[in-house]
Amino acid sequence: MKKRKIFKSFQSKLWLYFVIFTAIIFSVLWLLQIVFLQNFYNAMLIRNTQEAARQIISSGTQPDINRLIDEITHDNAFLVYITDENGKIYYSSDQFKENKGRFREGFERQERLQNDEMMTEKEPEQRFNEYRMLPVSYDTFLQQLTASESGTVAYSTDSSYVYGAYMDYYGADDPLILYISVTIDTMGPAASILSSMLMWVTVLSVLVAFVLSWFLAKRFARPVHDLSEKAKQLGEKEYTAGFRKGFCAELDALSDTLDTTNEKLNTARNFQMELMANVSHDLRTPLTMIKGYAEMIQDISWSDEQQCRSDLNVIIKEADRLTACVNEILEYSELQTEESDHDFEPVNLSLLLNRAADSFDVLYQPKKLVLERDIQPNVMVMGKAVRLERAVYNLLDNAARHTGDSKKVLLTLTTDGQQAIVSVTDYGKGIPPQEQEHIWDRYYTSRQRGGKGVSGLGLAIVRQIVTLHHGECSVASTQGKGSTFMIKLKTV
C-alpha cells in the first residue's frame, strides 16, 4: 500500500510525465528520421529542380544563359543538357566541370563560330563531341517528352529524378530540349550516419532526461509538500509551518490564502470560546427566569389570576430578551464572515439618518425621549444601506439607554473634506477614561457597565460594520456630562 502511494505522489507523477514527454520527443525524431526524412528530402530536390528549370527556360534567350546554367548546376549538383530532337548536344553542364572560366571561353567560342561566315557544317558535330555523353535512358526521355501534350516531362527512377521541357535557346533558330536530372538516393548514406548519431544522442539524452527530470520533479514537489504540511496545521494554536516564497507566484498566493484561512479559523475559534465563556451567562439568566416563573405558575400562582398574569409578563419579557440576544449573536457572526466592498453601492447618508431617526422617535416616544437632529443634506457614501442603518440605530439605542435624566439624544451629520462624520451624543453619566478603549469590545457592556445592553454586542456590531466600510469609530466622553460616539466614512 505504501509503495502504491509513493507512485501516486506529486513528485513521482511529475517525474513520470517528464519521462513520457522525453520519450514522445525522441519517438517523433526517430519517426521523422526513418519514415519522413527521405521523402522530405526528395520533395525538396524535386521542387528545386523544377524551379531551376523554370529559371533556365525564362532566361534561355539571354547571351549569358550558359553561365547561368553552370551556376545552377554547380550549386545544386544537377546534370543539364541542351539538345535538339535528334540528340545533338548544344550545351551540357554538371557539378564536376573544372572551372567557370572554361565555361565562359566555350560560350564565347560558340558565339564566334555562330557569327563566322566560314563556319562549316561539321562544326556542330565537332562541338557535340566536346561535351559529356548523353545518359543511356535519354531515348526514353525523348519519347516521353515528344508524347507529352504539355511540352514537359517529369519522372523518377530508382536513383534519380528527371525533368525536361522545350525551350528557346540563345543562338538557335528552333526550340531545343532542356534535360535536367538529379540524384535522389544520396540520403541513403547520410541517413545511416544520422541514425547512428541519433541513437547515441537518444541514449545520452534519455539518461540525462531521467536524472534531470527527477531533480526537477523534486524541486517542484518540495513547495507543494511544504504547503501540504502547512495546510495540516490550519486552525492549530501553534501554526508554525513555514513556506519559502519566490518559487512560483501561484504557490505564493496559495500560501497567503492558507495564512488568511488560518486567521479566520483562529478568529472563529476565539469567537466560539468567547461565546461559550461570556454569553453563556446572558443566555442562562433568561432561561432560568423563564423556567422559574413557569414552575411558579404551575405550582403556586395558577389559581391567582393577577399573580399569574404578572408572572407571564416576566416570562414574555425574558423570552424577548433571549430572542434579541440570540439575534445579535447571529448578526455579529454574519458580519465576521462578510467581505469588504461586497455589493457596495452609493448611499444617501442624509436620508438614511433621517429614516433611522424617524424609527427612533416612534419606538421611544412612550419613554418621552427627545431626539434632536442636525443632519447635513445630500451626503453620499459607498456601502450597504441596511448595514449602515443598523450601525446608526445601535448608536441611537445605546445613547437612549445611557442618556440619564435628561431624556435627550443628539444626532448630527457633517462633512470634513472627503469624510462624512456621524455623531450620536447622550447626556448621561459618561464613560470613565480607563473604559473608553474597551467600549467597542464584544460583551463588554453587559459585563462591565451594568448590563444595560441586550448582549454586549451592540457597539461591537457598529465597529464591525464601519470596519467593513473602511471607516473609523471613536468615542469622546466626560464623566457627568455624557458621551459622543462618532463614525467617519469616506464620501463620494
Protein backbone atom coordinates (compact mmCIF):
# COMPACT_ATOMS: atom_id res chain seq x y z
CA MET A 1 0.00 0.00 0.00
CA LYS A 2 2.83 2.39 0.88
CA LYS A 3 4.63 1.63 -2.38
CA ARG A 4 1.47 2.28 -4.32
CA LYS A 5 1.01 5.60 -2.52
CA ILE A 6 4.55 6.68 -3.46
CA PHE A 7 3.81 6.25 -7.16
CA LYS A 8 0.74 8.44 -6.74
CA SER A 9 2.71 11.29 -5.21
CA PHE A 10 3.07 14.63 -6.99
CA GLN A 11 6.83 14.18 -7.35
CA SER A 12 6.55 10.71 -8.91
CA LYS A 13 3.81 11.74 -11.30
CA LEU A 14 5.70 14.85 -12.37
CA TRP A 15 8.84 12.78 -12.95
CA LEU A 16 6.82 10.24 -14.94
CA TYR A 17 5.32 13.00 -17.10
CA PHE A 18 8.79 14.36 -17.83
CA VAL A 19 9.94 10.87 -18.86
CA ILE A 20 6.90 10.37 -21.08
CA PHE A 21 7.49 13.76 -22.67
CA THR A 22 11.12 12.83 -23.43
CA ALA A 23 10.03 9.50 -24.91
CA ILE A 24 7.48 11.21 -27.14
CA ILE A 25 10.01 13.78 -28.39
CA PHE A 26 12.57 11.14 -29.37
CA SER A 27 9.90 8.89 -30.86
CA VAL A 28 8.91 11.76 -33.11
CA LEU A 29 12.56 12.32 -34.04
CA TRP A 30 13.03 8.66 -34.94
CA LEU A 31 9.79 8.68 -36.89
CA LEU A 32 10.95 11.69 -38.87
CA GLN A 33 14.35 10.08 -39.43
CA ILE A 34 13.09 6.69 -40.59
CA VAL A 35 9.82 7.50 -42.33
CA PHE A 36 9.75 11.10 -43.46
CA LEU A 37 13.34 12.27 -43.93
CA GLN A 38 13.96 10.64 -47.33
CA ASN A 39 10.53 11.64 -48.61
CA PHE A 40 11.02 15.20 -47.43
CA TYR A 41 14.49 15.34 -49.00
CA ASN A 42 13.18 14.00 -52.33
CA ALA A 43 10.33 16.51 -52.33
CA MET A 44 12.76 19.37 -51.75
CA LEU A 45 15.05 18.16 -54.59
CA ILE A 46 12.11 17.87 -56.99
CA ARG A 47 10.89 21.34 -56.12
CA ASN A 48 14.40 22.81 -56.55
CA THR A 49 14.80 21.01 -59.90
CA GLN A 50 11.53 22.34 -61.28
CA GLU A 51 12.34 25.84 -60.05
CA ALA A 52 15.77 25.67 -61.71
CA ALA A 53 14.18 24.51 -64.96
CA ARG A 54 11.76 27.44 -64.95
CA GLN A 55 14.64 29.83 -64.33
CA ILE A 56 16.70 28.40 -67.22
CA ILE A 57 13.73 28.43 -69.61
CA SER A 58 12.81 32.02 -68.76
CA SER A 59 16.42 33.16 -69.40
CA GLY A 60 17.05 30.90 -72.42
CA THR A 61 17.40 33.72 -74.95
CA GLN A 62 19.89 35.70 -72.87
CA PRO A 63 23.54 35.83 -74.02
CA ASP A 64 24.81 34.59 -70.65
CA ILE A 65 22.45 31.58 -70.45
CA ASN A 66 25.36 29.12 -70.32
CA ARG A 67 26.87 30.92 -67.35
CA LEU A 68 23.51 30.73 -65.56
CA ILE A 69 23.26 27.00 -66.31
CA ASP A 70 26.77 26.43 -64.92
CA GLU A 71 25.96 28.32 -61.70
CA ILE A 72 22.69 26.44 -61.15
CA THR A 73 24.35 23.11 -61.89
CA HIS A 74 27.27 23.79 -59.59
CA ASP A 75 25.04 24.94 -56.68
CA ASN A 76 22.53 22.07 -56.90
CA ALA A 77 24.57 19.11 -58.24
CA PHE A 78 22.43 18.87 -61.39
CA LEU A 79 23.22 17.26 -64.74
CA VAL A 80 21.96 19.52 -67.55
CA TYR A 81 21.80 19.02 -71.32
CA ILE A 82 20.57 21.30 -74.07
CA THR A 83 19.90 19.17 -77.20
CA ASP A 84 17.78 19.07 -80.27
CA GLU A 85 15.23 16.35 -81.07
CA ASN A 86 17.95 14.24 -82.69
CA GLY A 87 20.02 14.16 -79.52
CA LYS A 88 22.72 16.55 -80.67
CA ILE A 89 24.20 18.38 -77.69
CA TYR A 90 24.30 22.16 -77.82
CA TYR A 91 25.42 22.52 -74.24
CA SER A 92 25.94 20.37 -71.14
CA SER A 93 26.97 21.07 -67.59
CA ASP A 94 27.48 19.18 -64.33
CA GLN A 95 28.99 19.83 -60.91
CA PHE A 96 32.40 18.40 -61.89
CA LYS A 97 33.44 20.91 -64.55
CA GLU A 98 36.91 22.29 -63.93
CA ASN A 99 36.14 25.99 -63.60
CA LYS A 100 33.74 28.66 -64.75
CA GLY A 101 36.40 30.37 -66.85
CA ARG A 102 36.42 27.44 -69.21
CA PHE A 103 32.63 27.66 -69.43
CA ARG A 104 32.91 31.31 -70.38
CA GLU A 105 35.58 30.61 -73.02
CA GLY A 106 33.49 27.84 -74.54
CA PHE A 107 30.47 30.14 -74.69
CA GLU A 108 32.49 32.90 -76.37
CA ARG A 109 33.94 30.41 -78.88
CA GLN A 110 30.46 29.14 -79.66
CA GLU A 111 29.26 32.71 -80.25
CA ARG A 112 32.17 33.40 -82.62
CA LEU A 113 31.53 30.23 -84.56
CA GLN A 114 27.85 31.08 -84.99
CA ASN A 115 28.74 34.51 -86.42
CA ASP A 116 31.65 33.30 -88.55
CA GLU A 117 30.79 33.19 -92.28
CA MET A 118 33.43 30.47 -92.78
CA MET A 119 31.71 28.06 -90.23
CA THR A 120 31.39 24.66 -91.88
CA GLU A 121 28.65 22.06 -91.47
CA LYS A 122 30.99 19.81 -89.46
CA GLU A 123 31.46 22.30 -86.61
CA PRO A 124 28.21 21.38 -84.77
CA GLU A 125 29.37 17.77 -84.86
CA GLN A 126 32.78 18.86 -83.52
CA ARG A 127 31.13 20.83 -80.73
CA PHE A 128 28.91 17.88 -79.90
CA ASN A 129 31.99 15.77 -79.23
CA GLU A 130 33.32 18.31 -76.76
CA TYR A 131 30.50 17.70 -74.24
CA ARG A 132 29.62 14.86 -71.88
CA MET A 133 27.92 11.83 -73.41
CA LEU A 134 24.12 11.61 -73.11
CA PRO A 135 22.72 9.20 -70.47
CA VAL A 136 21.64 5.72 -71.60
CA SER A 137 17.97 6.46 -70.88
CA TYR A 138 17.94 9.61 -72.98
CA ASP A 139 15.97 7.97 -75.80
CA THR A 140 13.22 7.05 -73.33
CA PHE A 141 13.25 10.63 -72.08
CA LEU A 142 12.85 11.97 -75.66
CA GLN A 143 9.96 9.59 -76.36
CA GLN A 144 8.09 10.72 -73.21
CA LEU A 145 8.72 14.38 -73.93
CA THR A 146 7.56 14.04 -77.57
CA ALA A 147 4.39 12.27 -76.44
CA SER A 148 3.64 14.87 -73.76
CA GLU A 149 0.83 17.28 -74.58
CA SER A 150 2.13 19.93 -72.18
CA GLY A 151 5.63 20.02 -73.64
CA THR A 152 7.17 18.96 -70.33
CA VAL A 153 8.04 15.64 -68.73
CA ALA A 154 8.98 14.66 -65.18
CA TYR A 155 9.57 11.21 -63.70
CA SER A 156 11.62 9.42 -61.08
CA THR A 157 13.78 6.32 -61.31
CA ASP A 158 15.31 4.29 -58.51
CA SER A 159 18.22 6.68 -58.19
CA SER A 160 17.34 9.97 -59.91
CA TYR A 161 14.71 12.50 -60.83
CA VAL A 162 14.45 13.73 -64.44
CA TYR A 163 12.75 16.85 -65.72
CA GLY A 164 12.55 18.00 -69.33
CA ALA A 165 10.91 20.72 -71.41
CA TYR A 166 11.15 22.58 -74.72
CA MET A 167 12.87 25.95 -74.58
CA ASP A 168 14.17 28.78 -76.75
CA TYR A 169 17.95 28.81 -76.67
CA TYR A 170 20.26 31.71 -77.47
CA GLY A 171 21.79 31.31 -80.94
CA ALA A 172 19.40 28.51 -82.03
CA ASP A 173 16.68 29.04 -84.61
CA ASP A 174 14.40 26.23 -83.46
CA PRO A 175 13.30 25.32 -79.92
CA LEU A 176 15.70 22.93 -78.17
CA ILE A 177 15.22 20.45 -75.36
CA LEU A 178 16.21 21.05 -71.72
CA TYR A 179 17.16 17.93 -69.79
CA ILE A 180 17.82 18.11 -66.01
CA SER A 181 18.49 15.18 -63.73
CA VAL A 182 19.47 14.96 -60.06
CA THR A 183 20.38 12.02 -57.86
CA ILE A 184 17.78 11.36 -55.15
CA ASP A 185 19.30 8.42 -53.28
CA THR A 186 22.12 10.41 -51.70
CA MET A 187 20.27 10.45 -48.38
CA GLY A 188 20.92 6.72 -48.01
CA PRO A 189 24.46 7.02 -46.58
CA ALA A 190 23.59 10.25 -44.82
CA ALA A 191 20.53 8.64 -43.25
CA SER A 192 22.66 5.79 -41.95
CA ILE A 193 25.10 8.24 -40.39
CA LEU A 194 22.27 10.27 -38.91
CA SER A 195 20.69 7.12 -37.48
CA SER A 196 23.91 6.18 -35.70
CA MET A 197 24.33 9.68 -34.37
CA LEU A 198 20.69 9.85 -33.32
CA MET A 199 20.99 6.56 -31.47
CA TRP A 200 23.84 7.85 -29.34
CA VAL A 201 22.12 11.18 -28.84
CA THR A 202 18.94 9.38 -27.80
CA VAL A 203 20.70 7.16 -25.25
CA LEU A 204 22.61 10.05 -23.69
CA SER A 205 19.62 12.39 -23.76
CA VAL A 206 17.32 9.84 -22.16
CA LEU A 207 19.81 9.25 -19.34
CA VAL A 208 20.23 12.99 -18.79
CA ALA A 209 16.46 13.47 -19.01
CA PHE A 210 15.84 10.78 -16.38
CA VAL A 211 18.24 12.38 -13.92
CA LEU A 212 17.27 15.97 -14.71
CA SER A 213 13.54 15.23 -14.58
CA TRP A 214 13.97 13.60 -11.19
CA PHE A 215 15.67 16.70 -9.77
CA LEU A 216 13.10 18.98 -11.42
CA ALA A 217 10.23 16.90 -10.06
CA LYS A 218 11.80 17.00 -6.61
CA ARG A 219 12.28 20.77 -6.90
CA PHE A 220 8.66 21.30 -7.93
CA ALA A 221 7.31 18.88 -5.33
CA ARG A 222 9.10 20.48 -2.36
CA PRO A 223 6.94 23.64 -2.14
CA VAL A 224 3.80 21.55 -2.69
CA HIS A 225 4.85 19.30 0.19
CA ASP A 226 5.52 22.36 2.37
CA LEU A 227 2.05 23.72 1.57
CA SER A 228 0.54 20.34 2.39
CA GLU A 229 2.23 20.37 5.80
CA LYS A 230 1.12 23.94 6.28
CA ALA A 231 -2.48 23.04 5.47
CA LYS A 232 -2.41 20.23 8.06
CA GLN A 233 -1.74 22.80 10.79
CA LEU A 234 -4.64 25.08 9.86
CA GLY A 235 -6.59 26.11 12.90
CA GLU A 236 -3.99 24.88 15.40
CA LYS A 237 -2.76 27.16 18.13
CA GLU A 238 0.87 26.72 17.14
CA TYR A 239 0.74 27.48 13.43
CA THR A 240 4.48 27.32 12.75
CA ALA A 241 4.63 25.77 9.28
CA GLY A 242 6.94 27.90 7.16
CA PHE A 243 6.94 28.39 3.40
CA ARG A 244 9.75 29.90 1.36
CA LYS A 245 8.19 32.20 -1.22
CA GLY A 246 9.56 33.07 -4.63
CA PHE A 247 9.41 29.74 -6.46
CA CYS A 248 6.00 30.21 -8.05
CA ALA A 249 3.51 33.09 -7.89
CA GLU A 250 0.52 30.72 -7.72
CA LEU A 251 2.02 28.79 -4.79
CA ASP A 252 2.87 32.05 -3.05
CA ALA A 253 -0.77 33.12 -3.44
CA LEU A 254 -1.90 29.74 -2.09
CA SER A 255 0.36 30.17 0.92
CA ASP A 256 -1.13 33.61 1.59
CA THR A 257 -4.61 32.10 1.27
CA LEU A 258 -3.73 29.44 3.84
CA ASP A 259 -2.47 32.14 6.21
CA THR A 260 -5.68 34.10 5.77
CA THR A 261 -7.73 30.94 6.28
CA ASN A 262 -5.80 30.16 9.43
CA GLU A 263 -6.51 33.65 10.76
CA LYS A 264 -10.21 33.20 10.06
CA LEU A 265 -10.23 29.79 11.73
CA ASN A 266 -8.50 31.24 14.78
CA THR A 267 -10.96 34.11 14.82
CA ALA A 268 -13.86 31.70 14.62
CA ARG A 269 -12.39 29.52 17.36
CA ASN A 270 -11.76 32.53 19.62
CA PHE A 271 -15.26 33.76 18.90
CA GLN A 272 -16.64 30.36 19.81
CA MET A 273 -14.68 30.29 23.05
CA GLU A 274 -15.78 33.81 23.95
CA LEU A 275 -19.34 32.90 23.09
CA MET A 276 -19.26 29.91 25.41
CA ALA A 277 -17.48 31.78 28.20
CA ASN A 278 -19.20 35.17 28.05
CA VAL A 279 -22.64 34.67 26.54
CA SER A 280 -23.48 31.55 28.50
CA HIS A 281 -24.38 33.72 31.48
CA ASP A 282 -26.54 36.03 29.36
CA LEU A 283 -28.39 33.06 27.92
CA ARG A 284 -28.61 31.14 31.17
CA THR A 285 -30.18 34.03 33.13
CA PRO A 286 -33.31 34.50 30.99
CA LEU A 287 -33.70 30.76 30.61
CA THR A 288 -33.52 30.36 34.37
CA MET A 289 -36.05 33.15 34.82
CA ILE A 290 -38.41 31.63 32.25
CA LYS A 291 -38.18 28.21 33.83
CA GLY A 292 -38.56 29.57 37.40
CA TYR A 293 -41.65 31.66 36.67
CA ALA A 294 -43.18 28.86 34.62
CA GLU A 295 -42.77 26.49 37.59
CA MET A 296 -44.17 29.19 39.89
CA ILE A 297 -47.28 29.49 37.73
CA GLN A 298 -47.64 25.73 37.67
CA ASP A 299 -47.19 25.24 41.42
CA ILE A 300 -48.40 28.46 43.08
CA SER A 301 -49.99 31.26 41.09
CA TRP A 302 -52.01 29.31 38.53
CA SER A 303 -55.14 29.94 40.55
CA ASP A 304 -54.35 33.63 41.24
CA GLU A 305 -55.22 35.42 38.02
CA GLN A 306 -53.43 38.67 38.82
CA GLN A 307 -50.24 36.97 40.01
CA CYS A 308 -50.36 34.55 37.10
CA ARG A 309 -50.57 37.48 34.62
CA SER A 310 -47.61 39.18 36.34
CA ASP A 311 -45.53 36.02 36.14
CA LEU A 312 -46.42 35.57 32.47
CA ASN A 313 -45.30 39.12 31.71
CA VAL A 314 -41.91 38.29 33.25
CA ILE A 315 -41.66 35.17 31.09
CA ILE A 316 -42.54 37.14 27.94
CA LYS A 317 -40.01 39.84 28.80
CA GLU A 318 -37.23 37.34 29.40
CA ALA A 319 -38.14 35.46 26.21
CA ASP A 320 -37.90 38.71 24.24
CA ARG A 321 -34.56 39.43 25.84
CA LEU A 322 -33.34 35.93 24.97
CA THR A 323 -34.52 36.32 21.37
CA ALA A 324 -32.80 39.70 21.00
CA CYS A 325 -29.60 38.28 22.45
CA VAL A 326 -29.58 35.35 20.05
CA ASN A 327 -30.34 37.67 17.10
CA GLU A 328 -27.42 39.94 17.96
CA ILE A 329 -25.09 36.97 18.27
CA LEU A 330 -26.17 35.66 14.86
CA GLU A 331 -25.86 39.09 13.29
CA TYR A 332 -22.36 39.59 14.62
CA SER A 333 -21.34 36.13 13.43
CA GLU A 334 -22.61 37.00 9.95
CA LEU A 335 -20.62 40.24 9.94
CA GLN A 336 -17.48 38.35 10.92
CA THR A 337 -17.62 36.36 7.66
CA GLU A 338 -18.79 39.17 5.38
CA GLU A 339 -16.34 40.52 2.79
CA SER A 340 -15.47 44.19 2.50
CA ASP A 341 -16.62 46.08 -0.64
CA HIS A 342 -19.03 43.27 -1.49
CA ASP A 343 -22.16 44.58 -3.28
CA PHE A 344 -21.44 48.19 -2.27
CA GLU A 345 -23.48 50.94 -3.91
CA PRO A 346 -23.94 54.72 -3.47
CA VAL A 347 -25.95 55.53 -0.31
CA ASN A 348 -27.52 58.87 0.60
CA LEU A 349 -26.34 59.00 4.21
CA SER A 350 -28.51 62.05 4.99
CA LEU A 351 -31.74 60.26 4.04
CA LEU A 352 -30.58 57.15 5.88
CA LEU A 353 -30.02 59.06 9.15
CA ASN A 354 -33.39 60.79 8.91
CA ARG A 355 -35.07 57.43 8.36
CA ALA A 356 -33.31 55.90 11.37
CA ALA A 357 -34.25 58.96 13.47
CA ASP A 358 -37.91 58.64 12.48
CA SER A 359 -37.93 55.00 13.60
CA PHE A 360 -36.25 56.01 16.84
CA ASP A 361 -38.90 58.66 17.55
CA VAL A 362 -41.70 56.14 17.11
CA LEU A 363 -40.02 53.47 19.24
CA TYR A 364 -39.01 55.67 22.17
CA GLN A 365 -41.97 58.06 22.18
CA PRO A 366 -43.59 56.20 25.12
CA LYS A 367 -40.42 56.78 27.15
CA LYS A 368 -40.60 60.53 26.36
CA LEU A 369 -37.11 60.61 24.88
CA VAL A 370 -36.24 63.62 22.68
CA LEU A 371 -34.07 63.18 19.59
CA GLU A 372 -32.51 66.34 18.22
CA ARG A 373 -31.19 66.35 14.65
CA ASP A 374 -28.57 68.38 12.78
CA ILE A 375 -28.14 66.50 9.50
CA GLN A 376 -26.34 68.00 6.51
CA PRO A 377 -28.28 67.19 3.32
CA ASN A 378 -27.12 65.13 0.31
CA VAL A 379 -24.10 63.44 1.82
CA MET A 380 -23.23 60.34 -0.27
CA VAL A 381 -21.09 57.36 0.71
CA MET A 382 -20.41 53.90 -0.73
CA GLY A 383 -21.75 50.94 1.21
CA LYS A 384 -24.74 48.83 2.19
CA ALA A 385 -27.68 50.90 3.33
CA VAL A 386 -29.10 48.14 5.56
CA ARG A 387 -25.82 47.69 7.42
CA LEU A 388 -25.19 51.41 7.88
CA GLU A 389 -28.72 51.96 9.15
CA ARG A 390 -28.21 49.14 11.65
CA ALA A 391 -24.99 50.77 12.92
CA VAL A 392 -26.71 54.18 13.37
CA TYR A 393 -29.69 52.60 15.12
CA ASN A 394 -27.38 50.73 17.52
CA LEU A 395 -25.70 54.02 18.45
CA LEU A 396 -29.09 55.67 18.99
CA ASP A 397 -30.28 52.74 21.11
CA ASN A 398 -27.06 52.84 23.15
CA ALA A 399 -27.49 56.60 23.69
CA ALA A 400 -31.12 56.10 24.77
CA ARG A 401 -30.07 53.51 27.37
CA HIS A 402 -27.43 55.79 28.90
CA THR A 403 -28.87 59.30 28.47
CA GLY A 404 -29.98 59.51 32.10
CA ASP A 405 -32.50 62.03 33.41
CA SER A 406 -32.06 64.46 30.52
CA LYS A 407 -34.06 62.17 28.20
CA LYS A 408 -32.28 63.81 25.24
CA VAL A 409 -30.15 62.44 22.38
CA LEU A 410 -28.41 64.45 19.63
CA LEU A 411 -27.81 63.08 16.11
CA THR A 412 -25.58 65.11 13.74
CA LEU A 413 -24.07 64.64 10.27
CA THR A 414 -21.30 66.89 8.99
CA THR A 415 -18.53 66.67 6.38
CA ASP A 416 -14.84 67.41 6.68
CA GLY A 417 -13.11 67.29 3.32
CA GLN A 418 -13.70 63.82 1.91
CA GLN A 419 -15.13 62.46 5.16
CA ALA A 420 -18.69 62.19 6.45
CA ILE A 421 -18.89 62.37 10.27
CA VAL A 422 -21.90 60.88 12.08
CA SER A 423 -22.15 61.79 15.78
CA VAL A 424 -24.57 60.48 18.42
CA THR A 425 -24.48 62.25 21.78
CA ASP A 426 -26.12 61.32 25.06
CA TYR A 427 -26.14 63.42 28.23
CA GLY A 428 -25.72 60.68 30.81
CA LYS A 429 -23.04 59.78 33.32
CA GLY A 430 -20.30 59.35 30.73
CA ILE A 431 -17.64 56.66 30.47
CA PRO A 432 -14.53 56.51 32.69
CA PRO A 433 -11.27 57.08 30.72
CA GLN A 434 -9.95 53.58 31.52
CA GLU A 435 -13.05 52.02 29.94
CA GLN A 436 -13.21 54.08 26.75
CA GLU A 437 -10.67 51.97 24.86
CA HIS A 438 -12.68 48.81 25.66
CA ILE A 439 -16.14 50.20 24.90
CA TRP A 440 -16.15 48.62 21.39
CA ASP A 441 -15.17 45.15 22.68
CA ARG A 442 -17.60 42.27 22.44
CA TYR A 443 -19.71 41.62 25.55
CA TYR A 444 -18.06 44.50 27.39
CA THR A 445 -21.25 46.49 28.05
CA SER A 446 -23.26 43.66 29.56
CA ARG A 447 -20.47 42.63 31.95
CA GLN A 448 -18.74 45.86 32.96
CA ARG A 449 -21.39 48.55 32.52
CA GLY A 450 -24.30 47.17 34.46
CA GLY A 451 -25.89 45.01 31.78
CA LYS A 452 -27.88 47.82 30.12
CA GLY A 453 -27.42 46.27 26.68
CA VAL A 454 -29.03 43.12 25.41
CA SER A 455 -25.89 41.02 24.87
CA GLY A 456 -22.98 43.44 24.89
CA LEU A 457 -22.62 43.15 21.11
CA GLY A 458 -24.31 46.41 20.08
CA LEU A 459 -21.19 48.57 19.82
CA ALA A 460 -19.11 45.63 18.57
CA ILE A 461 -21.59 45.28 15.70
CA VAL A 462 -21.22 49.01 14.98
CA ARG A 463 -17.44 48.76 14.79
CA GLN A 464 -17.58 45.66 12.58
CA ILE A 465 -19.98 47.38 10.14
CA VAL A 466 -17.84 50.53 10.00
CA THR A 467 -14.67 48.46 9.50
CA LEU A 468 -16.28 46.67 6.56
CA HIS A 469 -16.98 50.14 5.08
CA HIS A 470 -13.34 51.22 5.60
CA GLY A 471 -14.40 53.78 8.20
CA GLU A 472 -13.37 54.68 11.75
CA CYS A 473 -15.14 54.58 15.12
CA SER A 474 -14.32 56.76 18.10
CA VAL A 475 -15.82 57.97 21.37
CA ALA A 476 -15.36 61.16 23.40
CA SER A 477 -16.78 61.16 26.92
CA THR A 478 -16.71 63.33 30.02
CA GLN A 479 -17.97 61.87 33.26
CA GLY A 480 -21.11 63.59 34.45
CA LYS A 481 -21.74 65.29 31.07
CA GLY A 482 -22.29 62.41 28.63
CA SER A 483 -20.66 60.70 25.66
CA THR A 484 -20.37 61.28 21.90
CA PHE A 485 -19.92 58.31 19.58
CA MET A 486 -18.59 59.13 16.10
CA ILE A 487 -18.43 57.28 12.78
CA LYS A 488 -16.22 58.56 9.94
CA LEU A 489 -16.88 57.35 6.37
CA LYS A 490 -15.36 58.37 3.03
CA THR A 491 -17.72 60.40 0.83
CA VAL A 492 -18.25 60.02 -2.93
